[in-house]
């Protein structure tokens, strides 16, 4: 049995082309959205934003995935950092550090 022939069938290929178009449009929208998110993000180091913007622009969808997995939300990182600093100060004041 040939596995390629169903893919090359005219009726089936029109359906696959439609799905491919939907996937391409979704990837493009996600990529454009990530460019806007990276450009608007406030960071301590402005070079972080520039580097992530270059990665997202040059690597397209792969750069978008890398940003959302590794770049993440700077606000949550800053909140976590502030929380750990407060915890250290509290422990130092209590003498438990």
C-alpha atoms as a PDB file:
ATOM      1  CA  UNK A   1       0.000   0.000   0.000  1.00  0.00           C
ATOM      2  CA  UNK A   2       1.362   3.374  -1.003  1.00  0.00           C
ATOM      3  CA  UNK A   3       1.179   5.926   1.820  1.00  0.00           C
ATOM      4  CA  UNK A   4       1.759   8.911  -0.457  1.00  0.00           C
ATOM      5  CA  UNK A   5      -1.128   8.343  -2.878  1.00  0.00           C
ATOM      6  CA  UNK A   6      -3.876   9.459  -0.436  1.00  0.00           C
ATOM      7  CA  UNK A   7      -1.945  12.682   0.092  1.00  0.00           C
ATOM      8  CA  UNK A   8      -1.743  13.289  -3.626  1.00  0.00           C
ATOM      9  CA  UNK A   9      -5.428  12.645  -4.230  1.00  0.00           C
ATOM     10  CA  UNK A  10      -7.015  15.879  -5.481  1.00  0.00           C
ATOM     11  CA  UNK A  11      -9.892  16.006  -3.011  1.00  0.00           C
ATOM     12  CA  UNK A  12      -7.678  15.181  -0.056  1.00  0.00           C
ATOM     13  CA  UNK A  13      -4.967  17.633  -1.103  1.00  0.00           C
ATOM     14  CA  UNK A  14      -7.464  20.516  -1.160  1.00  0.00           C
ATOM     15  CA  UNK A  15      -8.341  19.737   2.455  1.00  0.00           C
ATOM     16  CA  UNK A  16      -4.666  19.526   3.397  1.00  0.00           C
ATOM     17  CA  UNK A  17      -3.966  22.827   1.662  1.00  0.00           C
ATOM     18  CA  UNK A  18      -6.714  24.470   3.696  1.00  0.00           C
ATOM     19  CA  UNK A  19      -5.280  23.152   6.957  1.00  0.00           C
ATOM     20  CA  UNK A  20      -1.775  24.169   5.916  1.00  0.00           C
ATOM     21  CA  UNK A  21      -3.027  27.693   5.221  1.00  0.00           C
ATOM     22  CA  UNK A  22      -4.724  27.855   8.641  1.00  0.00           C
ATOM     23  CA  UNK A  23      -1.535  26.686  10.374  1.00  0.00           C
ATOM     24  CA  UNK A  24       0.603  29.196   8.445  1.00  0.00           C
ATOM     25  CA  UNK A  25      -1.744  32.071   9.341  1.00  0.00           C
ATOM     26  CA  UNK A  26      -1.778  31.042  13.022  1.00  0.00           C
ATOM     27  CA  UNK A  27       2.030  30.879  13.079  1.00  0.00           C
ATOM     28  CA  UNK A  28       2.247  34.309  11.447  1.00  0.00           C
ATOM     29  CA  UNK A  29      -0.186  35.848  13.934  1.00  0.00           C
ATOM     30  CA  UNK A  30       1.674  34.275  16.872  1.00  0.00           C
ATOM     31  CA  UNK A  31       4.996  35.531  15.484  1.00  0.00           C
ATOM     32  CA  UNK A  32       3.718  39.086  15.016  1.00  0.00           C
ATOM     33  CA  UNK A  33       2.197  39.039  18.493  1.00  0.00           C
ATOM     34  CA  UNK A  34       5.518  37.898  20.001  1.00  0.00           C
ATOM     35  CA  UNK A  35       7.363  40.729  18.215  1.00  0.00           C
ATOM     36  CA  UNK A  36       4.979  43.235  19.802  1.00  0.00           C
ATOM     37  CA  UNK A  37       5.286  41.603  23.253  1.00  0.00           C
ATOM     38  CA  UNK A  38       9.095  41.630  23.123  1.00  0.00           C
ATOM     39  CA  UNK A  39       9.227  45.220  21.870  1.00  0.00           C
ATOM     40  CA  UNK A  40       6.883  46.499  24.603  1.00  0.00           C
ATOM     41  CA  UNK A  41       8.428  44.530  27.470  1.00  0.00           C
ATOM     42  CA  UNK A  42      10.244  46.564  30.119  1.00  0.00           C
ATOM     43  CA  UNK A  43      13.481  44.987  31.324  1.00  0.00           C
ATOM     44  CA  UNK A  44      16.273  46.030  33.669  1.00  0.00           C
ATOM     45  CA  UNK A  45      18.826  45.573  30.929  1.00  0.00           C
ATOM     46  CA  UNK A  46      17.711  47.087  27.599  1.00  0.00           C
ATOM     47  CA  UNK A  47      20.040  44.753  25.742  1.00  0.00           C
ATOM     48  CA  UNK A  48      17.910  41.789  26.822  1.00  0.00           C
ATOM     49  CA  UNK A  49      14.976  43.199  24.898  1.00  0.00           C
ATOM     50  CA  UNK A  50      17.129  43.957  21.838  1.00  0.00           C
ATOM     51  CA  UNK A  51      18.657  40.470  21.804  1.00  0.00           C
ATOM     52  CA  UNK A  52      15.258  38.777  22.171  1.00  0.00           C
ATOM     53  CA  UNK A  53      13.812  40.991  19.464  1.00  0.00           C
ATOM     54  CA  UNK A  54      16.623  40.016  17.095  1.00  0.00           C
ATOM     55  CA  UNK A  55      16.164  36.330  17.936  1.00  0.00           C
ATOM     56  CA  UNK A  56      12.406  36.483  17.305  1.00  0.00           C
ATOM     57  CA  UNK A  57      12.807  38.460  14.075  1.00  0.00           C
ATOM     58  CA  UNK A  58      15.595  36.301  12.625  1.00  0.00           C
ATOM     59  CA  UNK A  59      14.353  32.862  13.677  1.00  0.00           C
ATOM     60  CA  UNK A  60      10.664  33.594  13.042  1.00  0.00           C
ATOM     61  CA  UNK A  61       8.440  30.935  14.606  1.00  0.00           C
ATOM     62  CA  UNK A  62      11.362  29.089  16.229  1.00  0.00           C
ATOM     63  CA  UNK A  63      12.455  32.366  17.837  1.00  0.00           C
ATOM     64  CA  UNK A  64       8.908  32.862  19.104  1.00  0.00           C
ATOM     65  CA  UNK A  65       8.928  29.434  20.731  1.00  0.00           C
ATOM     66  CA  UNK A  66      12.345  30.089  22.266  1.00  0.00           C
ATOM     67  CA  UNK A  67      11.166  33.405  23.687  1.00  0.00           C
ATOM     68  CA  UNK A  68       8.024  32.008  25.264  1.00  0.00           C
ATOM     69  CA  UNK A  69       9.879  29.032  26.756  1.00  0.00           C
ATOM     70  CA  UNK A  70      13.080  30.775  27.885  1.00  0.00           C
ATOM     71  CA  UNK A  71      12.526  34.551  27.716  1.00  0.00           C
ATOM     72  CA  UNK A  72       9.278  34.501  29.533  1.00  0.00           C
ATOM     73  CA  UNK A  73       7.636  37.188  31.548  1.00  0.00           C
ATOM     74  CA  UNK A  74      10.055  39.702  33.064  1.00  0.00           C
ATOM     75  CA  UNK A  75       7.390  40.896  35.513  1.00  0.00           C
ATOM     76  CA  UNK A  76       7.085  37.490  37.134  1.00  0.00           C
ATOM     77  CA  UNK A  77      10.879  37.177  37.359  1.00  0.00           C
ATOM     78  CA  UNK A  78      11.121  40.634  38.951  1.00  0.00           C
ATOM     79  CA  UNK A  79       8.343  39.784  41.414  1.00  0.00           C
ATOM     80  CA  UNK A  80      10.080  36.533  42.304  1.00  0.00           C
ATOM     81  CA  UNK A  81      13.389  38.372  42.785  1.00  0.00           C
ATOM     82  CA  UNK A  82      11.748  41.004  45.012  1.00  0.00           C
ATOM     83  CA  UNK A  83      10.038  38.283  47.031  1.00  0.00           C
ATOM     84  CA  UNK A  84      13.329  36.446  47.598  1.00  0.00           C
ATOM     85  CA  UNK A  85      15.052  39.709  48.590  1.00  0.00           C
ATOM     86  CA  UNK A  86      12.264  40.455  51.085  1.00  0.00           C
ATOM     87  CA  UNK A  87      12.579  36.949  52.472  1.00  0.00           C
ATOM     88  CA  UNK A  88      16.333  37.379  52.945  1.00  0.00           C
ATOM     89  CA  UNK A  89      15.825  40.732  54.715  1.00  0.00           C
ATOM     90  CA  UNK A  90      13.142  39.242  56.961  1.00  0.00           C
ATOM     91  CA  UNK A  91      15.318  36.273  57.877  1.00  0.00           C
ATOM     92  CA  UNK A  92      18.294  38.546  58.509  1.00  0.00           C
ATOM     93  CA  UNK A  93      16.201  40.752  60.830  1.00  0.00           C
ATOM     94  CA  UNK A  94      14.916  37.685  62.686  1.00  0.00           C
ATOM     95  CA  UNK A  95      18.444  36.335  63.069  1.00  0.00           C
ATOM     96  CA  UNK A  96      17.615  33.117  61.225  1.00  0.00           C
ATOM     97  CA  UNK A  97      19.828  33.765  58.228  1.00  0.00           C
END
